[in-house]
Protein backbone atom coordinates (compact mmCIF):
# COMPACT_ATOMS: atom_id res chain seq x y z
CA MET A 1 92.79 -21.88 155.66
CA THR A 2 90.40 -21.58 152.74
CA GLU A 3 88.21 -24.36 151.37
CA SER A 4 90.29 -24.33 148.20
CA GLU A 5 93.51 -24.83 150.16
CA LEU A 6 91.94 -27.65 152.16
CA ARG A 7 90.77 -29.38 148.98
CA LYS A 8 94.29 -29.15 147.56
CA ILE A 9 95.79 -30.64 150.71
CA PHE A 10 93.21 -33.42 150.72
CA ALA A 11 93.76 -34.15 147.01
CA ASN A 12 97.55 -34.34 147.42
CA ASN A 13 97.26 -36.54 150.52
CA LEU A 14 94.74 -38.87 148.87
CA LYS A 15 96.94 -39.37 145.82
CA TYR A 16 100.02 -39.87 147.99
CA TYR A 17 98.42 -42.51 150.23
CA ARG A 18 96.63 -44.20 147.31
CA THR A 19 99.87 -44.61 145.34
CA SER A 20 102.09 -45.44 148.32
CA HIS A 21 99.73 -48.11 149.69
CA ASN A 22 100.95 -51.68 149.37
CA PRO A 23 99.54 -52.74 146.99
CA LYS A 24 98.93 -49.47 145.16
CA PHE A 25 95.35 -48.60 144.25
CA THR A 26 94.31 -47.18 140.92
CA GLN A 27 91.71 -44.43 141.04
CA GLU A 28 89.17 -46.86 139.59
CA GLN A 29 89.93 -49.59 142.15
CA LEU A 30 89.55 -47.18 145.04
CA SER A 31 86.34 -45.74 143.59
CA GLU A 32 84.95 -49.27 143.29
CA LEU A 33 85.84 -50.08 146.91
CA LEU A 34 83.88 -46.99 147.92
CA ASP A 35 80.96 -48.13 145.74
CA LYS A 36 81.22 -44.91 143.70
CA ASN A 37 81.48 -43.99 140.03
CA LYS A 38 84.84 -45.05 138.53
CA ASN A 39 85.82 -41.38 138.13
CA TYR A 40 85.10 -40.42 141.76
CA ILE A 41 88.69 -40.56 143.04
CA GLY A 42 89.92 -38.70 139.96
CA LEU A 43 87.47 -35.88 140.68
CA LEU A 44 88.67 -35.71 144.28
CA GLU A 45 92.33 -35.66 143.26
CA LYS A 46 91.61 -32.89 140.74
CA GLU A 47 89.83 -30.90 143.47
CA LYS A 48 86.58 -30.96 141.46
CA THR A 49 84.40 -32.28 144.27
CA SER A 50 84.41 -32.72 148.01
CA LEU A 51 83.11 -35.53 150.15
CA PRO A 52 81.26 -36.07 153.42
CA LEU A 53 83.01 -37.07 156.63
CA ASP A 54 81.77 -40.66 156.49
CA MET A 55 83.48 -41.04 153.09
CA ILE A 56 86.74 -39.65 154.53
CA ALA A 57 86.50 -42.26 157.28
CA LYS A 58 85.85 -45.05 154.77
CA LEU A 59 88.75 -43.93 152.55
CA ALA A 60 91.08 -43.83 155.54
CA GLU A 61 90.02 -47.33 156.56
CA ILE A 62 90.71 -48.71 153.07
CA LEU A 63 94.07 -46.92 152.93
CA GLU A 64 94.88 -48.09 156.48
CA ILE A 65 95.57 -44.61 157.82
CA SER A 66 93.99 -42.25 160.30
CA PRO A 67 91.30 -40.01 158.76
CA SER A 68 93.27 -36.97 159.96
CA LYS A 69 96.16 -37.95 157.64
CA LEU A 70 93.96 -37.00 154.67
CA LEU A 71 93.60 -33.45 155.98
CA GLU A 72 97.01 -32.74 157.53
CA THR A 73 99.15 -30.08 155.87
CA ASN A 74 102.43 -31.97 156.29
CA SER A 75 101.05 -35.46 155.80
CA CYS A 76 102.64 -35.99 152.39
CA PRO A 77 105.83 -34.66 150.79
CA VAL A 78 103.99 -32.70 148.07
CA ASN A 79 102.16 -30.55 150.62
CA SER A 80 105.31 -30.06 152.68
CA ILE A 81 107.26 -28.87 149.65
CA ASN A 82 104.50 -26.52 148.51
CA PHE A 83 104.11 -24.85 151.87
CA ASN A 84 107.83 -24.61 152.58
CA LYS A 85 108.41 -23.19 149.10
CA GLU A 86 105.85 -20.45 149.69
CA ASP A 87 107.45 -19.52 153.01
CA PHE A 88 110.87 -19.48 151.36
CA ILE A 89 109.66 -17.20 148.55
CA ASP A 90 107.98 -14.83 151.02
CA THR A 91 111.13 -14.60 153.12
CA LEU A 92 113.34 -14.16 150.06
CA CYS A 93 111.15 -11.34 148.72
CA LYS A 94 111.14 -9.58 152.07
CA ASN A 95 114.93 -9.84 152.42
CA LEU A 96 115.51 -8.73 148.84
CA SER A 97 113.19 -5.77 149.27
CA GLU A 98 115.01 -4.68 152.43
CA LYS A 99 118.41 -5.02 150.72
CA ILE A 100 117.29 -3.00 147.68
CA LYS A 101 115.89 -0.28 149.93
CA LYS A 102 119.11 -0.14 151.95
CA ASP A 103 121.32 -0.04 148.82
CA PHE A 104 119.12 2.57 147.15
CA THR A 105 119.15 4.76 150.26
CA SER A 106 122.94 4.46 150.50
CA GLU A 107 123.43 5.43 146.83
CA LEU A 108 120.97 8.30 147.12
CA ASN A 109 122.76 9.62 150.19
CA LYS A 110 126.08 9.57 148.26
CA ILE A 111 124.55 11.61 145.44
CA ILE A 112 122.91 14.15 147.78
CA SER A 113 125.98 14.58 149.99
């Protein structure tokens, strides 16, 4: 997994847990609880910056989740949909390619015969 992919997963998970927390946190509220600039969470959710492990632990504590939840691929629905969609598209392309090849070969054999 690339750093870019990990940032995307983290950003999606952070937004999911921030907005599904009861009560919900705004980006500004969560930034304030972390004693950071009011735009900090927005930058994380836009994948513009990364954060140290101690900040992941502090975020998880505030959101009342395990720190690993912020990095898990299937931790939130958005990540699950994105990864399943990619697998579906890859499989569809492969199957379509095989079908086209088979049909083309069959038609070519009819013409040559």
